[in-house]
């Protein structure tokens, strides 16, 4: 999910990504937030993280997951819902 930021560069803000099972719907106290980095493409900013057996947090369960972003830019902490990914 690209983050459009025509006036501000979000790369100074910490970003984390959560993959929440669709049946859960939204992040809760059991949600694992994965560290992420920013990829810059022209005026778009793409948060990204590694998912799978080689990642620090391991693989996700099979099924549909909703992607959530948490961007910490003091004094605000923004949580955005992204798309859905299906793991088969």
C-alpha atoms as a PDB file:
ATOM      1  CA  UNK A   1       0.000   0.000   0.000  1.00  0.00           C
ATOM      2  CA  UNK A   2       1.723   3.204  -1.089  1.00  0.00           C
ATOM      3  CA  UNK A   3       1.540   6.164   1.267  1.00  0.00           C
ATOM      4  CA  UNK A   4       1.125   9.392  -0.679  1.00  0.00           C
ATOM      5  CA  UNK A   5       2.819  12.282   1.074  1.00  0.00           C
ATOM      6  CA  UNK A   6       3.161  15.244  -1.275  1.00  0.00           C
ATOM      7  CA  UNK A   7       4.402  17.664   1.406  1.00  0.00           C
ATOM      8  CA  UNK A   8       5.960  15.461   4.050  1.00  0.00           C
ATOM      9  CA  UNK A   9       8.481  12.647   3.922  1.00  0.00           C
ATOM     10  CA  UNK A  10       7.328   9.863   6.322  1.00  0.00           C
ATOM     11  CA  UNK A  11      10.647   7.991   6.227  1.00  0.00           C
ATOM     12  CA  UNK A  12      11.708   9.601   9.516  1.00  0.00           C
ATOM     13  CA  UNK A  13       8.745   7.947  11.239  1.00  0.00           C
ATOM     14  CA  UNK A  14       8.889   4.414  12.589  1.00  0.00           C
ATOM     15  CA  UNK A  15       6.574   2.063  10.720  1.00  0.00           C
ATOM     16  CA  UNK A  16       5.319  -1.374  11.739  1.00  0.00           C
ATOM     17  CA  UNK A  17       3.055  -3.809   9.912  1.00  0.00           C
ATOM     18  CA  UNK A  18       0.563  -6.323  11.286  1.00  0.00           C
ATOM     19  CA  UNK A  19      -1.135  -9.173   9.443  1.00  0.00           C
ATOM     20  CA  UNK A  20      -4.418  -9.795  11.252  1.00  0.00           C
ATOM     21  CA  UNK A  21      -6.469 -12.888  10.406  1.00  0.00           C
ATOM     22  CA  UNK A  22      -9.620 -11.796   8.591  1.00  0.00           C
ATOM     23  CA  UNK A  23     -11.822 -13.511  11.196  1.00  0.00           C
ATOM     24  CA  UNK A  24     -10.238 -11.263  13.893  1.00  0.00           C
ATOM     25  CA  UNK A  25     -10.674  -8.143  11.757  1.00  0.00           C
ATOM     26  CA  UNK A  26      -8.596  -5.503  13.516  1.00  0.00           C
ATOM     27  CA  UNK A  27      -5.519  -5.358  15.722  1.00  0.00           C
ATOM     28  CA  UNK A  28      -5.941  -6.317  19.377  1.00  0.00           C
ATOM     29  CA  UNK A  29      -3.673  -7.011  22.362  1.00  0.00           C
ATOM     30  CA  UNK A  30      -2.505 -10.301  20.764  1.00  0.00           C
ATOM     31  CA  UNK A  31      -1.434  -8.696  17.479  1.00  0.00           C
ATOM     32  CA  UNK A  32       2.206  -9.022  16.433  1.00  0.00           C
ATOM     33  CA  UNK A  33       3.488  -5.770  14.944  1.00  0.00           C
ATOM     34  CA  UNK A  34       6.472  -6.466  12.661  1.00  0.00           C
ATOM     35  CA  UNK A  35       9.270  -3.941  12.182  1.00  0.00           C
ATOM     36  CA  UNK A  36       9.185  -2.424   8.711  1.00  0.00           C
ATOM     37  CA  UNK A  37      11.265  -0.140   6.521  1.00  0.00           C
ATOM     38  CA  UNK A  38      10.370   2.443   3.898  1.00  0.00           C
ATOM     39  CA  UNK A  39      10.916   2.011   0.149  1.00  0.00           C
ATOM     40  CA  UNK A  40      10.836   5.320  -1.727  1.00  0.00           C
ATOM     41  CA  UNK A  41       9.546   5.417  -5.298  1.00  0.00           C
ATOM     42  CA  UNK A  42       9.276   8.940  -6.731  1.00  0.00           C
ATOM     43  CA  UNK A  43       6.669  10.598  -4.452  1.00  0.00           C
ATOM     44  CA  UNK A  44       5.292   7.320  -3.056  1.00  0.00           C
ATOM     45  CA  UNK A  45       6.461   5.734   0.169  1.00  0.00           C
ATOM     46  CA  UNK A  46       6.038   1.960   0.551  1.00  0.00           C
ATOM     47  CA  UNK A  47       6.241   0.336   3.981  1.00  0.00           C
ATOM     48  CA  UNK A  48       7.617  -3.201   3.740  1.00  0.00           C
ATOM     49  CA  UNK A  49       8.549  -6.129   5.948  1.00  0.00           C
ATOM     50  CA  UNK A  50       9.772  -9.672   5.500  1.00  0.00           C
ATOM     51  CA  UNK A  51       7.200 -12.409   6.136  1.00  0.00           C
ATOM     52  CA  UNK A  52       8.003 -16.086   6.186  1.00  0.00           C
ATOM     53  CA  UNK A  53      10.188 -18.749   7.778  1.00  0.00           C
ATOM     54  CA  UNK A  54      13.344 -16.607   7.409  1.00  0.00           C
ATOM     55  CA  UNK A  55      11.850 -13.541   9.088  1.00  0.00           C
ATOM     56  CA  UNK A  56      12.366 -12.555  12.724  1.00  0.00           C
ATOM     57  CA  UNK A  57       8.653 -13.109  13.444  1.00  0.00           C
ATOM     58  CA  UNK A  58       8.260 -16.336  11.443  1.00  0.00           C
ATOM     59  CA  UNK A  59       5.618 -17.414   8.980  1.00  0.00           C
ATOM     60  CA  UNK A  60       1.943 -16.515   9.041  1.00  0.00           C
ATOM     61  CA  UNK A  61      -0.863 -19.060   9.266  1.00  0.00           C
ATOM     62  CA  UNK A  62      -2.609 -20.006   6.026  1.00  0.00           C
ATOM     63  CA  UNK A  63      -5.727 -18.019   5.167  1.00  0.00           C
ATOM     64  CA  UNK A  64      -6.754 -14.414   4.583  1.00  0.00           C
ATOM     65  CA  UNK A  65      -5.052 -11.631   6.540  1.00  0.00           C
ATOM     66  CA  UNK A  66      -5.821  -7.915   6.700  1.00  0.00           C
ATOM     67  CA  UNK A  67      -2.710  -5.732   6.498  1.00  0.00           C
ATOM     68  CA  UNK A  68      -2.479  -2.935   9.086  1.00  0.00           C
ATOM     69  CA  UNK A  69       0.139  -0.160   9.292  1.00  0.00           C
ATOM     70  CA  UNK A  70       1.175   1.706  12.424  1.00  0.00           C
ATOM     71  CA  UNK A  71       3.184   4.855  11.787  1.00  0.00           C
ATOM     72  CA  UNK A  72       4.716   6.549  14.835  1.00  0.00           C
ATOM     73  CA  UNK A  73       5.333  10.216  14.100  1.00  0.00           C
ATOM     74  CA  UNK A  74       5.385  12.003  17.436  1.00  0.00           C
ATOM     75  CA  UNK A  75       3.094  13.334  18.725  1.00  0.00           C
ATOM     76  CA  UNK A  76       0.766  11.229  16.554  1.00  0.00           C
ATOM     77  CA  UNK A  77       0.482   7.463  16.100  1.00  0.00           C
ATOM     78  CA  UNK A  78      -1.485   6.613  12.989  1.00  0.00           C
ATOM     79  CA  UNK A  79      -3.033   3.187  12.306  1.00  0.00           C
ATOM     80  CA  UNK A  80      -4.199   2.499   8.754  1.00  0.00           C
ATOM     81  CA  UNK A  81      -5.938  -0.496   7.239  1.00  0.00           C
ATOM     82  CA  UNK A  82      -4.343  -1.734   4.032  1.00  0.00           C
ATOM     83  CA  UNK A  83      -5.470  -4.514   1.754  1.00  0.00           C
ATOM     84  CA  UNK A  84      -5.950  -8.238   2.259  1.00  0.00           C
ATOM     85  CA  UNK A  85      -3.425 -10.974   1.514  1.00  0.00           C
ATOM     86  CA  UNK A  86      -4.267 -14.640   1.060  1.00  0.00           C
ATOM     87  CA  UNK A  87      -1.758 -17.300   2.049  1.00  0.00           C
ATOM     88  CA  UNK A  88      -2.407 -20.715   0.525  1.00  0.00           C
END
